[in-house]
């Protein structure tokens, strides 16, 4: 499955995303394209809503899915996820 998300800025973001998705979905077949904001994960399409929720909780909403205050809140969460991912390298 491929999903495009907002707020991916660096390897720290990618690290947090990969770690969380590996844990939640029990797969290590995850690729995060930082420049394009694209996440590829070996996951059944029936799990898309769950994937979208997990990513939003980390601060990486599906592109064009949040606006206004929710967008600002997602950006704030992504900064925290990014910092955690950077420290865990």
PDB file of N, CA and C in Angstrom:
ATOM      1  N   UNK A   1       0.839  -1.164   0.000  1.00  0.00           N
ATOM      2  CA  UNK A   1       0.000   0.000   0.000  1.00  0.00           C
ATOM      3  C   UNK A   1       0.891   1.237   0.000  1.00  0.00           C
ATOM      4  N   UNK A   2       0.456   2.247  -0.692  1.00  0.00           N
ATOM      5  CA  UNK A   2       1.198   3.506  -0.739  1.00  0.00           C
ATOM      6  C   UNK A   2       0.289   4.615  -0.220  1.00  0.00           C
ATOM      7  N   UNK A   3       0.855   5.484   0.614  1.00  0.00           N
ATOM      8  CA  UNK A   3       0.104   6.608   1.151  1.00  0.00           C
ATOM      9  C   UNK A   3       1.020   7.829   1.165  1.00  0.00           C
ATOM     10  N   UNK A   4       0.472   8.972   0.806  1.00  0.00           N
ATOM     11  CA  UNK A   4       1.222  10.229   0.818  1.00  0.00           C
ATOM     12  C   UNK A   4       0.773  11.039   2.028  1.00  0.00           C
ATOM     13  N   UNK A   5       1.751  11.499   2.807  1.00  0.00           N
ATOM     14  CA  UNK A   5       1.444  12.219   4.040  1.00  0.00           C
ATOM     15  C   UNK A   5       2.178  13.555   4.089  1.00  0.00           C
ATOM     16  N   UNK A   6       1.720  14.397   4.997  1.00  0.00           N
ATOM     17  CA  UNK A   6       2.353  15.699   5.232  1.00  0.00           C
ATOM     18  C   UNK A   6       3.339  15.612   6.391  1.00  0.00           C
ATOM     19  N   UNK A   7       4.222  16.586   6.456  1.00  0.00           N
ATOM     20  CA  UNK A   7       5.107  16.851   7.606  1.00  0.00           C
ATOM     21  C   UNK A   7       6.358  15.992   7.714  1.00  0.00           C
ATOM     22  N   UNK A   8       6.653  15.120   6.761  1.00  0.00           N
ATOM     23  CA  UNK A   8       7.915  14.372   6.839  1.00  0.00           C
ATOM     24  C   UNK A   8       9.042  15.316   6.433  1.00  0.00           C
ATOM     25  N   UNK A   9      10.004  15.503   7.342  1.00  0.00           N
ATOM     26  CA  UNK A   9      11.071  16.462   7.098  1.00  0.00           C
ATOM     27  C   UNK A   9      12.467  15.851   7.018  1.00  0.00           C
ATOM     28  N   UNK A  10      12.657  14.711   7.697  1.00  0.00           N
ATOM     29  CA  UNK A  10      14.023  14.206   7.800  1.00  0.00           C
ATOM     30  C   UNK A  10      14.044  12.725   8.156  1.00  0.00           C
ATOM     31  N   UNK A  11      15.231  12.216   8.355  1.00  0.00           N
ATOM     32  CA  UNK A  11      15.407  10.830   8.736  1.00  0.00           C
ATOM     33  C   UNK A  11      14.839  10.515  10.109  1.00  0.00           C
ATOM     34  N   UNK A  12      14.784  11.508  11.002  1.00  0.00           N
ATOM     35  CA  UNK A  12      14.176  11.307  12.314  1.00  0.00           C
ATOM     36  C   UNK A  12      12.687  11.011  12.183  1.00  0.00           C
ATOM     37  N   UNK A  13      12.032  11.761  11.300  1.00  0.00           N
ATOM     38  CA  UNK A  13      10.613  11.511  11.024  1.00  0.00           C
ATOM     39  C   UNK A  13      10.441  10.097  10.476  1.00  0.00           C
ATOM     40  N   UNK A  14      11.250   9.760   9.487  1.00  0.00           N
ATOM     41  CA  UNK A  14      11.164   8.435   8.857  1.00  0.00           C
ATOM     42  C   UNK A  14      11.409   7.335   9.886  1.00  0.00           C
ATOM     43  N   UNK A  15      12.352   7.566  10.797  1.00  0.00           N
ATOM     44  CA  UNK A  15      12.648   6.579  11.827  1.00  0.00           C
ATOM     45  C   UNK A  15      11.477   6.350  12.763  1.00  0.00           C
ATOM     46  N   UNK A  16      10.829   7.434  13.194  1.00  0.00           N
ATOM     47  CA  UNK A  16       9.663   7.314  14.068  1.00  0.00           C
ATOM     48  C   UNK A  16       8.511   6.603  13.372  1.00  0.00           C
ATOM     49  N   UNK A  17       8.284   6.961  12.115  1.00  0.00           N
ATOM     50  CA  UNK A  17       7.213   6.340  11.340  1.00  0.00           C
ATOM     51  C   UNK A  17       7.482   4.849  11.184  1.00  0.00           C
ATOM     52  N   UNK A  18       8.693   4.514  10.782  1.00  0.00           N
ATOM     53  CA  UNK A  18       9.050   3.110  10.552  1.00  0.00           C
ATOM     54  C   UNK A  18       8.917   2.294  11.834  1.00  0.00           C
ATOM     55  N   UNK A  19       9.422   2.826  12.942  1.00  0.00           N
ATOM     56  CA  UNK A  19       9.362   2.106  14.214  1.00  0.00           C
ATOM     57  C   UNK A  19       7.916   1.859  14.630  1.00  0.00           C
ATOM     58  N   UNK A  20       7.075   2.873  14.551  1.00  0.00           N
ATOM     59  CA  UNK A  20       5.681   2.740  14.968  1.00  0.00           C
ATOM     60  C   UNK A  20       4.923   1.762  14.067  1.00  0.00           C
ATOM     61  N   UNK A  21       5.099   1.904  12.750  1.00  0.00           N
ATOM     62  CA  UNK A  21       4.378   1.027  11.828  1.00  0.00           C
ATOM     63  C   UNK A  21       4.840  -0.420  11.946  1.00  0.00           C
ATOM     64  N   UNK A  22       6.130  -0.613  12.195  1.00  0.00           N
ATOM     65  CA  UNK A  22       6.657  -1.966  12.393  1.00  0.00           C
ATOM     66  C   UNK A  22       6.001  -2.619  13.602  1.00  0.00           C
ATOM     67  N   UNK A  23       5.862  -1.852  14.671  1.00  0.00           N
ATOM     68  CA  UNK A  23       5.265  -2.366  15.902  1.00  0.00           C
ATOM     69  C   UNK A  23       3.769  -2.643  15.740  1.00  0.00           C
ATOM     70  N   UNK A  24       3.038  -1.684  15.193  1.00  0.00           N
ATOM     71  CA  UNK A  24       1.577  -1.795  15.099  1.00  0.00           C
ATOM     72  C   UNK A  24       1.149  -2.869  14.096  1.00  0.00           C
ATOM     73  N   UNK A  25       1.831  -2.921  12.949  1.00  0.00           N
ATOM     74  CA  UNK A  25       1.383  -3.810  11.872  1.00  0.00           C
ATOM     75  C   UNK A  25       2.249  -5.058  11.708  1.00  0.00           C
ATOM     76  N   UNK A  26       3.242  -5.224  12.572  1.00  0.00           N
ATOM     77  CA  UNK A  26       4.093  -6.418  12.559  1.00  0.00           C
ATOM     78  C   UNK A  26       4.674  -6.714  11.174  1.00  0.00           C
ATOM     79  N   UNK A  27       5.233  -5.668  10.555  1.00  0.00           N
ATOM     80  CA  UNK A  27       5.920  -5.838   9.271  1.00  0.00           C
ATOM     81  C   UNK A  27       7.154  -4.963   9.249  1.00  0.00           C
ATOM     82  N   UNK A  28       8.194  -5.449   8.593  1.00  0.00           N
ATOM     83  CA  UNK A  28       9.384  -4.626   8.418  1.00  0.00           C
ATOM     84  C   UNK A  28       9.523  -4.205   6.959  1.00  0.00           C
ATOM     85  N   UNK A  29       8.483  -4.432   6.176  1.00  0.00           N
ATOM     86  CA  UNK A  29       8.496  -4.038   4.760  1.00  0.00           C
ATOM     87  C   UNK A  29       7.879  -2.654   4.625  1.00  0.00           C
ATOM     88  N   UNK A  30       8.663  -1.657   5.044  1.00  0.00           N
ATOM     89  CA  UNK A  30       8.226  -0.264   5.062  1.00  0.00           C
ATOM     90  C   UNK A  30       9.312   0.589   4.418  1.00  0.00           C
ATOM     91  N   UNK A  31       8.907   1.468   3.527  1.00  0.00           N
ATOM     92  CA  UNK A  31       9.837   2.397   2.907  1.00  0.00           C
ATOM     93  C   UNK A  31       9.246   3.800   3.009  1.00  0.00           C
ATOM     94  N   UNK A  32      10.032   4.738   3.530  1.00  0.00           N
ATOM     95  CA  UNK A  32       9.589   6.120   3.663  1.00  0.00           C
ATOM     96  C   UNK A  32      10.426   6.982   2.722  1.00  0.00           C
ATOM     97  N   UNK A  33       9.761   7.620   1.760  1.00  0.00           N
ATOM     98  CA  UNK A  33      10.416   8.552   0.847  1.00  0.00           C
ATOM     99  C   UNK A  33      10.253   9.945   1.451  1.00  0.00           C
ATOM    100  N   UNK A  34      11.312  10.449   2.061  1.00  0.00           N
ATOM    101  CA  UNK A  34      11.269  11.718   2.781  1.00  0.00           C
ATOM    102  C   UNK A  34      10.944  12.881   1.847  1.00  0.00           C
ATOM    103  N   UNK A  35      11.586  12.929   0.705  1.00  0.00           N
ATOM    104  CA  UNK A  35      11.411  14.058  -0.210  1.00  0.00           C
ATOM    105  C   UNK A  35       9.979  14.174  -0.733  1.00  0.00           C
ATOM    106  N   UNK A  36       9.338  13.056  -1.015  1.00  0.00           N
ATOM    107  CA  UNK A  36       8.000  13.081  -1.598  1.00  0.00           C
ATOM    108  C   UNK A  36       6.898  12.852  -0.570  1.00  0.00           C
ATOM    109  N   UNK A  37       7.263  12.486   0.644  1.00  0.00           N
ATOM    110  CA  UNK A  37       6.263  12.243   1.678  1.00  0.00           C
ATOM    111  C   UNK A  37       5.443  10.983   1.432  1.00  0.00           C
ATOM    112  N   UNK A  38       6.060  10.017   0.777  1.00  0.00           N
ATOM    113  CA  UNK A  38       5.352   8.788   0.428  1.00  0.00           C
ATOM    114  C   UNK A  38       5.831   7.639   1.313  1.00  0.00           C
ATOM    115  N   UNK A  39       4.861   6.905   1.849  1.00  0.00           N
ATOM    116  CA  UNK A  39       5.151   5.725   2.651  1.00  0.00           C
ATOM    117  C   UNK A  39       4.612   4.509   1.913  1.00  0.00           C
ATOM    118  N   UNK A  40       5.468   3.541   1.697  1.00  0.00           N
ATOM    119  CA  UNK A  40       5.058   2.251   1.138  1.00  0.00           C
ATOM    120  C   UNK A  40       5.173   1.223   2.247  1.00  0.00           C
ATOM    121  N   UNK A  41       4.100   0.454   2.431  1.00  0.00           N
ATOM    122  CA  UNK A  41       4.076  -0.559   3.480  1.00  0.00           C
ATOM    123  C   UNK A  41       3.369  -1.794   2.941  1.00  0.00           C
ATOM    124  N   UNK A  42       3.918  -2.936   3.292  1.00  0.00           N
ATOM    125  CA  UNK A  42       3.312  -4.201   2.890  1.00  0.00           C
ATOM    126  C   UNK A  42       2.137  -4.468   3.826  1.00  0.00           C
ATOM    127  N   UNK A  43       0.951  -4.018   3.382  1.00  0.00           N
ATOM    128  CA  UNK A  43      -0.229  -4.065   4.218  1.00  0.00           C
ATOM    129  C   UNK A  43      -1.458  -4.233   3.344  1.00  0.00           C
ATOM    130  N   UNK A  44      -2.408  -5.003   3.819  1.00  0.00           N
ATOM    131  CA  UNK A  44      -3.659  -5.213   3.095  1.00  0.00           C
ATOM    132  C   UNK A  44      -4.465  -3.908   3.047  1.00  0.00           C
ATOM    133  N   UNK A  45      -5.120  -3.658   1.918  1.00  0.00           N
ATOM    134  CA  UNK A  45      -5.898  -2.430   1.741  1.00  0.00           C
ATOM    135  C   UNK A  45      -6.985  -2.254   2.796  1.00  0.00           C
ATOM    136  N   UNK A  46      -7.463  -3.350   3.372  1.00  0.00           N
ATOM    137  CA  UNK A  46      -8.513  -3.264   4.387  1.00  0.00           C
ATOM    138  C   UNK A  46      -8.028  -2.566   5.661  1.00  0.00           C
ATOM    139  N   UNK A  47      -6.716  -2.397   5.810  1.00  0.00           N
ATOM    140  CA  UNK A  47      -6.142  -1.766   7.003  1.00  0.00           C
ATOM    141  C   UNK A  47      -5.825  -0.281   6.787  1.00  0.00           C
ATOM    142  N   UNK A  48      -6.277   0.285   5.656  1.00  0.00           N
ATOM    143  CA  UNK A  48      -5.917   1.672   5.348  1.00  0.00           C
ATOM    144  C   UNK A  48      -6.403   2.645   6.418  1.00  0.00           C
ATOM    145  N   UNK A  49      -7.646   2.511   6.886  1.00  0.00           N
ATOM    146  CA  UNK A  49      -8.158   3.437   7.895  1.00  0.00           C
ATOM    147  C   UNK A  49      -7.330   3.384   9.175  1.00  0.00           C
ATOM    148  N   UNK A  50      -6.916   2.185   9.562  1.00  0.00           N
ATOM    149  CA  UNK A  50      -6.079   2.042  10.749  1.00  0.00           C
ATOM    150  C   UNK A  50      -4.714   2.697  10.521  1.00  0.00           C
ATOM    151  N   UNK A  51      -4.151   2.507   9.327  1.00  0.00           N
ATOM    152  CA  UNK A  51      -2.869   3.125   8.976  1.00  0.00           C
ATOM    153  C   UNK A  51      -2.972   4.643   9.036  1.00  0.00           C
ATOM    154  N   UNK A  52      -4.027   5.197   8.449  1.00  0.00           N
ATOM    155  CA  UNK A  52      -4.226   6.645   8.436  1.00  0.00           C
ATOM    156  C   UNK A  52      -4.309   7.180   9.868  1.00  0.00           C
ATOM    157  N   UNK A  53      -5.008   6.475  10.756  1.00  0.00           N
ATOM    158  CA  UNK A  53      -5.137   6.911  12.148  1.00  0.00           C
ATOM    159  C   UNK A  53      -3.799   6.870  12.872  1.00  0.00           C
ATOM    160  N   UNK A  54      -3.039   5.811  12.693  1.00  0.00           N
ATOM    161  CA  UNK A  54      -1.730   5.699  13.349  1.00  0.00           C
ATOM    162  C   UNK A  54      -0.821   6.837  12.889  1.00  0.00           C
ATOM    163  N   UNK A  55      -0.797   7.093  11.593  1.00  0.00           N
ATOM    164  CA  UNK A  55       0.048   8.169  11.067  1.00  0.00           C
ATOM    165  C   UNK A  55      -0.402   9.536  11.574  1.00  0.00           C
ATOM    166  N   UNK A  56      -1.713   9.774  11.621  1.00  0.00           N
ATOM    167  CA  UNK A  56      -2.223  11.043  12.134  1.00  0.00           C
ATOM    168  C   UNK A  56      -1.836  11.221  13.600  1.00  0.00           C
ATOM    169  N   UNK A  57      -1.934  10.154  14.386  1.00  0.00           N
ATOM    170  CA  UNK A  57      -1.548  10.226  15.803  1.00  0.00           C
ATOM    171  C   UNK A  57      -0.075  10.582  15.977  1.00  0.00           C
ATOM    172  N   UNK A  58       0.752  10.212  15.000  1.00  0.00           N
ATOM    173  CA  UNK A  58       2.177  10.569  15.031  1.00  0.00           C
ATOM    174  C   UNK A  58       2.427  11.992  14.529  1.00  0.00           C
ATOM    175  N   UNK A  59       1.435  12.583  13.848  1.00  0.00           N
ATOM    176  CA  UNK A  59       1.597  13.930  13.293  1.00  0.00           C
ATOM    177  C   UNK A  59       1.834  13.940  11.798  1.00  0.00           C
ATOM    178  N   UNK A  60       1.555  12.829  11.135  1.00  0.00           N
ATOM    179  CA  UNK A  60       1.775  12.720   9.693  1.00  0.00           C
ATOM    180  C   UNK A  60       0.460  12.355   9.007  1.00  0.00           C
ATOM    181  N   UNK A  61      -0.435  13.365   8.858  1.00  0.00           N
ATOM    182  CA  UNK A  61      -1.743  13.085   8.255  1.00  0.00           C
ATOM    183  C   UNK A  61      -1.635  12.823   6.756  1.00  0.00           C
ATOM    184  N   UNK A  62      -2.582  12.036   6.264  1.00  0.00           N
ATOM    185  CA  UNK A  62      -2.652  11.826   4.817  1.00  0.00           C
ATOM    186  C   UNK A  62      -2.818  13.192   4.160  1.00  0.00           C
ATOM    187  N   UNK A  63      -2.130  13.419   3.057  1.00  0.00           N
ATOM    188  CA  UNK A  63      -2.152  14.703   2.371  1.00  0.00           C
ATOM    189  C   UNK A  63      -3.583  15.146   2.086  1.00  0.00           C
ATOM    190  N   UNK A  64      -3.860  16.405   2.395  1.00  0.00           N
ATOM    191  CA  UNK A  64      -5.164  17.052   2.192  1.00  0.00           C
ATOM    192  C   UNK A  64      -6.281  16.482   3.065  1.00  0.00           C
ATOM    193  N   UNK A  65      -5.947  15.810   4.160  1.00  0.00           N
ATOM    194  CA  UNK A  65      -6.996  15.240   5.013  1.00  0.00           C
ATOM    195  C   UNK A  65      -7.298  16.095   6.236  1.00  0.00           C
ATOM    196  N   UNK A  66      -6.389  16.982   6.612  1.00  0.00           N
ATOM    197  CA  UNK A  66      -6.625  17.876   7.754  1.00  0.00           C
ATOM    198  C   UNK A  66      -6.344  19.315   7.347  1.00  0.00           C
ATOM    199  N   UNK A  67      -7.076  20.229   7.995  1.00  0.00           N
ATOM    200  CA  UNK A  67      -6.936  21.646   7.659  1.00  0.00           C
ATOM    201  C   UNK A  67      -7.070  22.479   8.929  1.00  0.00           C
ATOM    202  N   UNK A  68      -6.657  23.732   8.860  1.00  0.00           N
ATOM    203  CA  UNK A  68      -6.813  24.661   9.970  1.00  0.00           C
ATOM    204  C   UNK A  68      -6.105  24.206  11.229  1.00  0.00           C
ATOM    205  N   UNK A  69      -6.853  24.255  12.357  1.00  0.00           N
ATOM    206  CA  UNK A  69      -6.268  23.907  13.652  1.00  0.00           C
ATOM    207  C   UNK A  69      -5.754  22.473  13.667  1.00  0.00           C
ATOM    208  N   UNK A  70      -6.479  21.549  13.029  1.00  0.00           N
ATOM    209  CA  UNK A  70      -6.038  20.148  13.010  1.00  0.00           C
ATOM    210  C   UNK A  70      -4.702  19.999  12.286  1.00  0.00           C
ATOM    211  N   UNK A  71      -4.497  20.817  11.267  1.00  0.00           N
ATOM    212  CA  UNK A  71      -3.221  20.791  10.546  1.00  0.00           C
ATOM    213  C   UNK A  71      -2.089  21.297  11.443  1.00  0.00           C
ATOM    214  N   UNK A  72      -2.355  22.369  12.167  1.00  0.00           N
ATOM    215  CA  UNK A  72      -1.346  22.910  13.089  1.00  0.00           C
ATOM    216  C   UNK A  72      -1.032  21.908  14.192  1.00  0.00           C
ATOM    217  N   UNK A  73      -2.057  21.238  14.694  1.00  0.00           N
ATOM    218  CA  UNK A  73      -1.858  20.225  15.728  1.00  0.00           C
ATOM    219  C   UNK A  73      -1.012  19.063  15.200  1.00  0.00           C
ATOM    220  N   UNK A  74      -1.272  18.653  13.966  1.00  0.00           N
ATOM    221  CA  UNK A  74      -0.494  17.566  13.360  1.00  0.00           C
ATOM    222  C   UNK A  74       0.969  17.979  13.209  1.00  0.00           C
ATOM    223  N   UNK A  75       1.212  19.227  12.803  1.00  0.00           N
ATOM    224  CA  UNK A  75       2.595  19.704  12.663  1.00  0.00           C
ATOM    225  C   UNK A  75       3.320  19.664  14.002  1.00  0.00           C
ATOM    226  N   UNK A  76       2.631  20.071  15.067  1.00  0.00           N
ATOM    227  CA  UNK A  76       3.246  20.047  16.400  1.00  0.00           C
ATOM    228  C   UNK A  76       3.592  18.614  16.808  1.00  0.00           C
ATOM    229  N   UNK A  77       2.678  17.685  16.561  1.00  0.00           N
ATOM    230  CA  UNK A  77       2.947  16.280  16.884  1.00  0.00           C
ATOM    231  C   UNK A  77       4.121  15.747  16.070  1.00  0.00           C
ATOM    232  N   UNK A  78       4.205  16.167  14.800  1.00  0.00           N
ATOM    233  CA  UNK A  78       5.289  15.660  13.954  1.00  0.00           C
ATOM    234  C   UNK A  78       6.644  16.137  14.460  1.00  0.00           C
ATOM    235  N   UNK A  79       6.710  17.349  15.027  1.00  0.00           N
ATOM    236  CA  UNK A  79       7.979  17.831  15.578  1.00  0.00           C
ATOM    237  C   UNK A  79       8.435  16.936  16.727  1.00  0.00           C
ATOM    238  N   UNK A  80       7.498  16.517  17.564  1.00  0.00           N
ATOM    239  CA  UNK A  80       7.827  15.628  18.681  1.00  0.00           C
ATOM    240  C   UNK A  80       8.281  14.269  18.145  1.00  0.00           C
ATOM    241  N   UNK A  81       7.523  13.715  17.187  1.00  0.00           N
ATOM    242  CA  UNK A  81       7.889  12.421  16.599  1.00  0.00           C
ATOM    243  C   UNK A  81       9.265  12.495  15.943  1.00  0.00           C
ATOM    244  N   UNK A  82       9.522  13.593  15.267  1.00  0.00           N
ATOM    245  CA  UNK A  82      10.806  13.796  14.592  1.00  0.00           C
ATOM    246  C   UNK A  82      11.938  13.811  15.626  1.00  0.00           C
ATOM    247  N   UNK A  83      11.746  14.556  16.700  1.00  0.00           N
ATOM    248  CA  UNK A  83      12.789  14.642  17.732  1.00  0.00           C
ATOM    249  C   UNK A  83      13.056  13.288  18.361  1.00  0.00           C
ATOM    250  N   UNK A  84      12.000  12.530  18.630  1.00  0.00           N
ATOM    251  CA  UNK A  84      12.172  11.196  19.194  1.00  0.00           C
ATOM    252  C   UNK A  84      12.916  10.300  18.223  1.00  0.00           C
ATOM    253  N   UNK A  85      12.531  10.367  16.950  1.00  0.00           N
ATOM    254  CA  UNK A  85      13.203   9.564  15.936  1.00  0.00           C
ATOM    255  C   UNK A  85      14.660   9.924  15.776  1.00  0.00           C
ATOM    256  N   UNK A  86      14.973  11.207  15.913  1.00  0.00           N
ATOM    257  CA  UNK A  86      16.363  11.655  15.797  1.00  0.00           C
ATOM    258  C   UNK A  86      17.186  11.176  16.990  1.00  0.00           C
ATOM    259  N   UNK A  87      16.610  11.214  18.179  1.00  0.00           N
ATOM    260  CA  UNK A  87      17.335  10.776  19.377  1.00  0.00           C
ATOM    261  C   UNK A  87      17.553   9.264  19.395  1.00  0.00           C
ATOM    262  N   UNK A  88      16.668   8.523  18.747  1.00  0.00           N
ATOM    263  CA  UNK A  88      16.777   7.059  18.751  1.00  0.00           C
ATOM    264  C   UNK A  88      17.688   6.519  17.673  1.00  0.00           C
ATOM    265  N   UNK A  89      18.334   7.378  16.916  1.00  0.00           N
ATOM    266  CA  UNK A  89      19.228   6.904  15.850  1.00  0.00           C
ATOM    267  C   UNK A  89      20.478   6.309  16.423  1.00  0.00           C
TER     268      UNK A  89
END
